[in-house]
Amino acid sequence: WLEDVTKLLRQRVERDETIEEVRFSPGDECRLKIRSLLGSARKQVDICVFTITDDRLVEAMVDAHRRRVDLRIVTDNDKAFDRGSDARRLAKAGIPVRVDESEHHMHHKYAIFDRSTLLTGSYNWTRSAANHNRENLLVTDSSALVGPYLKNFDELWESLHGHAL
């Protein structure tokens, strides 16, 4: 009996160590979570988002780049060249940016921090998402979820070789 209780407690502790968080907009929750993850990144951040227009997030990306965190960004060509897009600004800062130039949209919205923490959801990296839209973020370090996103990002990144800003 005691062994069974010990196993259950051990499983509970192991499960509680997993990061599982949810954030919603409108409001600052999503934006602040993204900024926090960018601020705590140490080695690498892979960002795959449809559009980036929120200067507050761009500042956090540039700050991470200045700390010598390797960033890679994938975005959609229709949004990369929209008025207000920060894709060119990020590229000019020295951050590698690749664009999906297919006739269909690259509509993902996810980022992977230090190859171990996943952020995903409907949240666009825009001021409208923060201030007005009803959007969401999920953050986890579950390897069962992080792994497929890493694979997807790496494959997408390689497929867009030659499509840099």
Foldseek 3Di string as FASTA:
>chain_A
DVVVVVVVVVVVVVVVVKDKDKDKDQACGVVVVLLVLLVPFDAEKEWEAAFAQDVSNVVSNLVSVVNVHQYEYEYAPVRCPDVRTCQVVSVVSVHWYFYDDDPDGSHFGWMAGPLFKIKGWNQHNHVCRHNPDTIMIIMIRPCVPSVVVVVVRVVVVVVRVVRTD
